[in-house]
Amino acid sequence: MTKTFLIRTLSAVVALVILFSIYYFFESTGLKLLVYATVFIGGYELIQILLPKNSGRFHKGLFYVLLLLIFHVAANYPSFAVVAFSVLIVLFLVLSLLSHQSFAELEGLVEYQAKAVLGFVYLGLLPSYAYRLLDLNNGMMWFLTLLAVVFTGDVGAYLVGITLGKHKINPRLSPKKTWEGSIGGLAGSLVAGFVCSHFLPQIQLNAILVMAVCAGFVAQFGDFFESLIKRVADVKDSGSLMPGHGGILDRIDGVLFASPVLMLVASLFESQY
């Protein structure tokens, strides 16, 4: 356990150094490129664990290209995001229907289409909100708040879970997660929100704390969601890019779910000042 914790800690420290170095040298533009890189790598990982095993190269490539297009449009042209998403989904369905001969059974085609659309939402739309946070007046602080709330919550859940965790939440999805760990995670998110509130003085403290708890709560379900698709795919991790953590998706699953929460709250407060 100690060795695993040290590996996870070292890996997290390296990631933080990279994150702050990118911001120091390239500011928000660098962070936006980092989000793009995350979607690029995460998209490849998602193909391996989400799409049916009988999906051919064409269908995997179709999913990957459209996933990147959906993210790009949603991140940079939010006013067109809904119609663009709909058009790209229609295009995807048309192309997959035209190539249905690649699937031995029609059930396989339906499974591919359903899982692909789920993937478009998961890694096409959700990360676009984290990207768009950087365009707000206090964008950098909102972006860091998002990461702090989610990652501090992860640390709190992990430490409390391994020391005090006894009551399992849902062993079928994630056998190690406990109610005690979940409470520890929410406490960690709350602490992160309190610290970040000092850098957002125009926002009331109680509002920041409520936002932190809500974001931390849904972030935990982001972890459960990824556990679900990994269990269906019968894999332990989405990848091996980050020692002790797994792949990119293993690290950002909570961030993906919390991003629209932060974007909603930040947009409401930014519109008042």
Protein backbone atom coordinates (compact mmCIF):
# COMPACT_ATOMS: atom_id res chain seq x y z
CA MET A 1 0.00 0.00 0.00
CA THR A 2 2.84 2.39 0.91
CA LYS A 3 4.63 1.70 -2.39
CA THR A 4 1.43 2.29 -4.36
CA PHE A 5 0.76 5.53 -2.52
CA LEU A 6 4.30 6.77 -3.18
CA ILE A 7 4.01 5.95 -6.88
CA ARG A 8 0.66 7.72 -7.10
CA THR A 9 2.04 10.74 -5.23
CA LEU A 10 5.16 11.01 -7.41
CA SER A 11 3.09 10.66 -10.56
CA ALA A 12 0.69 13.37 -9.36
CA VAL A 13 3.57 15.71 -8.47
CA VAL A 14 5.09 15.27 -11.93
CA ALA A 15 1.68 16.02 -13.50
CA LEU A 16 1.34 19.19 -11.38
CA VAL A 17 4.83 20.36 -12.35
CA ILE A 18 3.98 19.87 -16.02
CA LEU A 19 0.66 21.67 -15.57
CA PHE A 20 2.14 24.76 -13.89
CA SER A 21 5.12 24.82 -16.26
CA ILE A 22 2.78 24.91 -19.24
CA TYR A 23 0.85 27.77 -17.69
CA TYR A 24 4.01 29.65 -16.71
CA PHE A 25 5.48 29.55 -20.22
CA PHE A 26 2.35 29.53 -22.39
CA GLU A 27 -0.43 30.82 -20.08
CA SER A 28 -4.03 29.90 -20.94
CA THR A 29 -3.13 28.99 -24.53
CA GLY A 30 -0.86 26.26 -23.22
CA LEU A 31 -3.61 24.90 -20.99
CA LYS A 32 -6.04 24.86 -23.89
CA LEU A 33 -3.53 22.84 -25.90
CA LEU A 34 -3.19 20.53 -22.91
CA VAL A 35 -6.95 19.93 -22.96
CA TYR A 36 -6.70 19.14 -26.67
CA ALA A 37 -3.88 16.68 -26.00
CA THR A 38 -5.92 15.06 -23.25
CA VAL A 39 -8.84 14.51 -25.63
CA PHE A 40 -6.50 13.16 -28.33
CA ILE A 41 -4.96 10.60 -25.99
CA GLY A 42 -8.17 9.92 -24.09
CA GLY A 43 -10.00 9.28 -27.35
CA TYR A 44 -7.57 6.52 -28.23
CA GLU A 45 -8.00 4.97 -24.78
CA LEU A 46 -11.78 5.24 -25.04
CA ILE A 47 -11.80 3.29 -28.31
CA GLN A 48 -10.06 0.39 -26.58
CA ILE A 49 -12.49 0.14 -23.66
CA LEU A 50 -15.79 1.39 -25.07
CA LEU A 51 -16.28 0.24 -28.65
CA PRO A 52 -17.21 -3.39 -29.36
CA LYS A 53 -14.25 -5.65 -30.04
CA ASN A 54 -15.55 -6.48 -33.52
CA SER A 55 -15.44 -2.83 -34.62
CA GLY A 56 -13.18 -2.56 -37.65
CA ARG A 57 -10.56 0.09 -38.37
CA PHE A 58 -12.97 2.17 -40.41
CA HIS A 59 -15.52 2.34 -37.62
CA LYS A 60 -12.89 3.07 -34.97
CA GLY A 61 -11.41 5.78 -37.17
CA LEU A 62 -14.87 7.23 -37.86
CA PHE A 63 -15.56 7.44 -34.14
CA TYR A 64 -12.18 9.03 -33.38
CA VAL A 65 -12.38 11.71 -36.09
CA LEU A 66 -15.95 12.71 -35.23
CA LEU A 67 -15.11 12.73 -31.52
CA LEU A 68 -12.34 15.26 -32.13
CA LEU A 69 -14.60 17.36 -34.37
CA ILE A 70 -17.34 17.43 -31.74
CA PHE A 71 -14.89 18.54 -29.08
CA HIS A 72 -13.34 21.20 -31.32
CA VAL A 73 -16.69 22.75 -32.26
CA ALA A 74 -18.13 22.56 -28.73
CA ALA A 75 -14.98 24.11 -27.25
CA ASN A 76 -14.50 26.95 -29.73
CA TYR A 77 -17.98 27.62 -31.14
CA PRO A 78 -20.39 27.01 -28.24
CA SER A 79 -23.27 28.86 -29.91
CA PHE A 80 -23.22 26.24 -32.69
CA ALA A 81 -22.44 23.29 -30.43
CA VAL A 82 -25.95 21.80 -30.27
CA VAL A 83 -26.69 21.95 -33.99
CA ALA A 84 -23.14 20.85 -34.88
CA PHE A 85 -23.40 17.92 -32.48
CA SER A 86 -26.72 16.90 -34.03
CA VAL A 87 -25.39 17.16 -37.59
CA LEU A 88 -22.27 15.16 -36.76
CA ILE A 89 -24.36 12.49 -35.04
CA VAL A 90 -26.57 12.23 -38.12
CA LEU A 91 -23.46 11.99 -40.31
CA PHE A 92 -22.11 9.26 -38.05
CA LEU A 93 -25.35 7.28 -38.22
CA VAL A 94 -25.51 7.61 -42.01
CA LEU A 95 -21.93 6.43 -42.51
CA SER A 96 -22.28 3.57 -40.04
CA LEU A 97 -25.50 2.42 -41.73
CA LEU A 98 -23.86 2.54 -45.16
CA SER A 99 -21.08 0.30 -43.87
CA HIS A 100 -23.30 -2.10 -41.92
CA GLN A 101 -21.95 -5.06 -43.88
CA SER A 102 -18.87 -4.91 -41.66
CA PHE A 103 -20.96 -6.29 -38.79
CA ALA A 104 -21.96 -9.95 -38.91
CA GLU A 105 -25.06 -9.23 -36.80
CA LEU A 106 -27.24 -6.12 -36.78
CA GLU A 107 -27.07 -6.16 -32.98
CA GLY A 108 -23.38 -5.45 -33.30
CA LEU A 109 -24.09 -2.35 -35.39
CA VAL A 110 -26.62 -1.05 -32.87
CA GLU A 111 -24.18 -1.66 -30.00
CA TYR A 112 -21.46 0.22 -31.88
CA GLN A 113 -23.76 3.17 -32.64
CA ALA A 114 -25.06 3.42 -29.07
CA LYS A 115 -21.64 3.21 -27.47
CA ALA A 116 -20.17 5.69 -29.96
CA VAL A 117 -22.85 8.31 -29.22
CA LEU A 118 -22.19 7.79 -25.51
CA GLY A 119 -18.50 8.36 -26.19
CA PHE A 120 -19.23 11.55 -28.14
CA VAL A 121 -20.97 12.99 -25.09
CA TYR A 122 -18.41 11.69 -22.60
CA LEU A 123 -15.22 12.83 -24.32
CA GLY A 124 -16.55 15.19 -26.98
CA LEU A 125 -18.86 17.49 -25.04
CA LEU A 126 -17.82 17.21 -21.38
CA PRO A 127 -14.15 18.30 -21.74
CA SER A 128 -15.26 21.29 -23.83
CA TYR A 129 -16.61 22.87 -20.62
CA ALA A 130 -13.21 22.66 -18.96
CA TYR A 131 -11.72 24.28 -22.06
CA ARG A 132 -14.32 27.05 -22.07
CA LEU A 133 -13.64 27.89 -18.43
CA LEU A 134 -10.35 29.38 -19.60
CA ASP A 135 -12.21 31.95 -21.72
CA LEU A 136 -13.98 33.48 -18.71
CA ASN A 137 -12.70 36.65 -17.01
CA ASN A 138 -11.35 34.61 -14.11
CA GLY A 139 -10.82 31.61 -16.33
CA MET A 140 -7.50 30.43 -14.98
CA MET A 141 -8.78 30.48 -11.40
CA TRP A 142 -11.96 28.64 -12.33
CA PHE A 143 -9.93 26.04 -14.20
CA LEU A 144 -7.61 25.52 -11.23
CA THR A 145 -10.62 25.34 -8.92
CA LEU A 146 -12.04 22.56 -11.06
CA LEU A 147 -8.83 20.56 -10.85
CA ALA A 148 -8.32 21.30 -7.15
CA VAL A 149 -11.85 20.28 -6.15
CA VAL A 150 -11.70 17.01 -8.10
CA PHE A 151 -8.11 15.97 -7.34
CA THR A 152 -8.19 16.95 -3.67
CA GLY A 153 -11.42 15.00 -3.42
CA ASP A 154 -9.65 12.00 -4.97
CA VAL A 155 -6.85 12.25 -2.42
CA GLY A 156 -9.28 12.58 0.47
CA ALA A 157 -11.30 9.59 -0.70
CA TYR A 158 -8.17 7.49 -1.18
CA LEU A 159 -6.60 8.28 2.21
CA VAL A 160 -9.80 7.91 4.22
CA GLY A 161 -10.81 4.84 2.24
CA ILE A 162 -7.60 2.88 2.87
CA THR A 163 -7.49 3.82 6.56
CA LEU A 164 -11.13 3.84 7.68
CA GLY A 165 -13.11 2.37 4.79
CA LYS A 166 -15.34 -0.57 5.76
CA HIS A 167 -18.73 -0.15 4.10
CA LYS A 168 -18.70 -0.73 0.34
CA ILE A 169 -20.75 1.55 -1.89
CA ASN A 170 -21.16 -0.64 -4.95
CA PRO A 171 -18.79 -3.64 -5.12
CA ARG A 172 -20.07 -4.58 -8.59
CA LEU A 173 -18.77 -1.32 -10.06
CA SER A 174 -15.83 -0.55 -7.80
CA PRO A 175 -15.00 -3.06 -5.05
CA LYS A 176 -12.59 -0.76 -3.18
CA LYS A 177 -14.75 2.36 -2.86
CA THR A 178 -16.41 2.87 0.52
CA TRP A 179 -18.89 5.29 2.05
CA GLU A 180 -16.17 6.45 4.44
CA GLY A 181 -13.91 7.21 1.50
CA SER A 182 -16.69 9.06 -0.28
CA ILE A 183 -17.26 11.28 2.74
CA GLY A 184 -13.50 11.88 2.95
CA GLY A 185 -13.55 12.86 -0.72
CA LEU A 186 -16.33 15.39 -0.19
CA ALA A 187 -14.39 16.82 2.75
CA GLY A 188 -11.34 17.16 0.52
CA SER A 189 -13.37 18.94 -2.15
CA LEU A 190 -14.78 21.25 0.52
CA VAL A 191 -11.28 22.17 1.73
CA ALA A 192 -10.18 22.81 -1.86
CA GLY A 193 -13.20 25.06 -2.41
CA PHE A 194 -12.39 27.02 0.76
CA VAL A 195 -8.80 27.59 -0.35
CA CYS A 196 -9.80 28.58 -3.88
CA SER A 197 -12.42 31.01 -2.54
CA HIS A 198 -9.58 33.29 -1.39
CA PHE A 199 -8.63 33.77 -5.05
CA LEU A 200 -12.22 34.50 -6.07
CA PRO A 201 -13.06 37.23 -3.53
CA GLN A 202 -15.99 38.53 -5.58
CA ILE A 203 -17.85 35.24 -5.04
CA GLN A 204 -19.54 34.54 -1.71
CA LEU A 205 -17.81 31.85 0.33
CA ASN A 206 -20.95 29.79 0.91
CA ALA A 207 -21.61 29.71 -2.84
CA ILE A 208 -18.10 28.42 -3.53
CA LEU A 209 -18.44 25.76 -0.83
CA VAL A 210 -21.78 24.53 -2.17
CA MET A 211 -20.32 24.42 -5.66
CA ALA A 212 -17.28 22.46 -4.40
CA VAL A 213 -19.45 19.85 -2.70
CA CYS A 214 -21.71 19.48 -5.75
CA ALA A 215 -18.74 19.21 -8.12
CA GLY A 216 -16.98 16.75 -5.81
CA PHE A 217 -20.15 14.67 -5.57
CA VAL A 218 -20.65 14.31 -9.33
CA ALA A 219 -16.89 13.77 -9.80
CA GLN A 220 -17.18 10.61 -7.70
CA PHE A 221 -19.85 9.35 -10.07
CA GLY A 222 -17.50 10.12 -12.95
CA ASP A 223 -15.16 7.59 -11.36
CA PHE A 224 -17.99 5.07 -11.06
CA PHE A 225 -18.97 5.62 -14.69
CA GLU A 226 -15.48 4.87 -15.94
CA SER A 227 -15.33 1.84 -13.65
CA LEU A 228 -18.54 0.66 -15.32
CA ILE A 229 -17.22 0.84 -18.87
CA LYS A 230 -13.91 -0.74 -17.82
CA ARG A 231 -15.70 -3.63 -16.16
CA VAL A 232 -17.81 -4.18 -19.27
CA ALA A 233 -14.60 -4.15 -21.31
CA ASP A 234 -12.88 -6.38 -18.70
CA VAL A 235 -9.83 -4.13 -18.28
CA LYS A 236 -8.25 -2.76 -15.10
CA ASP A 237 -7.08 0.62 -16.40
CA SER A 238 -7.80 2.71 -19.49
CA GLY A 239 -4.04 2.92 -20.17
CA SER A 240 -0.62 3.09 -18.54
CA LEU A 241 0.49 6.65 -19.22
CA MET A 242 0.47 7.68 -15.53
CA PRO A 243 2.10 5.14 -13.16
CA GLY A 244 -0.10 4.41 -10.17
CA HIS A 245 -3.11 6.05 -11.81
CA GLY A 246 -3.49 4.25 -15.13
CA GLY A 247 -4.37 6.12 -18.29
CA ILE A 248 -5.57 9.62 -19.04
CA LEU A 249 -9.21 8.64 -18.59
CA ASP A 250 -8.45 7.12 -15.19
CA ARG A 251 -7.17 10.52 -14.07
CA ILE A 252 -9.77 12.83 -15.60
CA ASP A 253 -12.97 10.81 -15.19
CA GLY A 254 -14.05 13.00 -12.27
CA VAL A 255 -12.98 16.18 -14.06
CA LEU A 256 -15.20 15.31 -17.01
CA PHE A 257 -18.31 14.97 -14.86
CA ALA A 258 -17.52 18.06 -12.76
CA SER A 259 -16.71 20.34 -15.73
CA PRO A 260 -20.30 21.30 -16.69
CA VAL A 261 -21.08 21.97 -13.01
CA LEU A 262 -18.17 24.40 -12.75
CA MET A 263 -19.03 25.96 -16.10
CA LEU A 264 -22.64 26.56 -15.05
CA VAL A 265 -21.70 28.12 -11.71
CA ALA A 266 -18.83 30.18 -13.14
CA SER A 267 -20.98 31.50 -15.99
CA LEU A 268 -23.73 32.55 -13.59
CA PHE A 269 -21.33 34.44 -11.34
CA GLU A 270 -19.30 35.94 -14.17
CA SER A 271 -22.48 37.38 -15.68
CA GLN A 272 -23.11 39.33 -12.46
CA TYR A 273 -19.78 41.19 -12.49
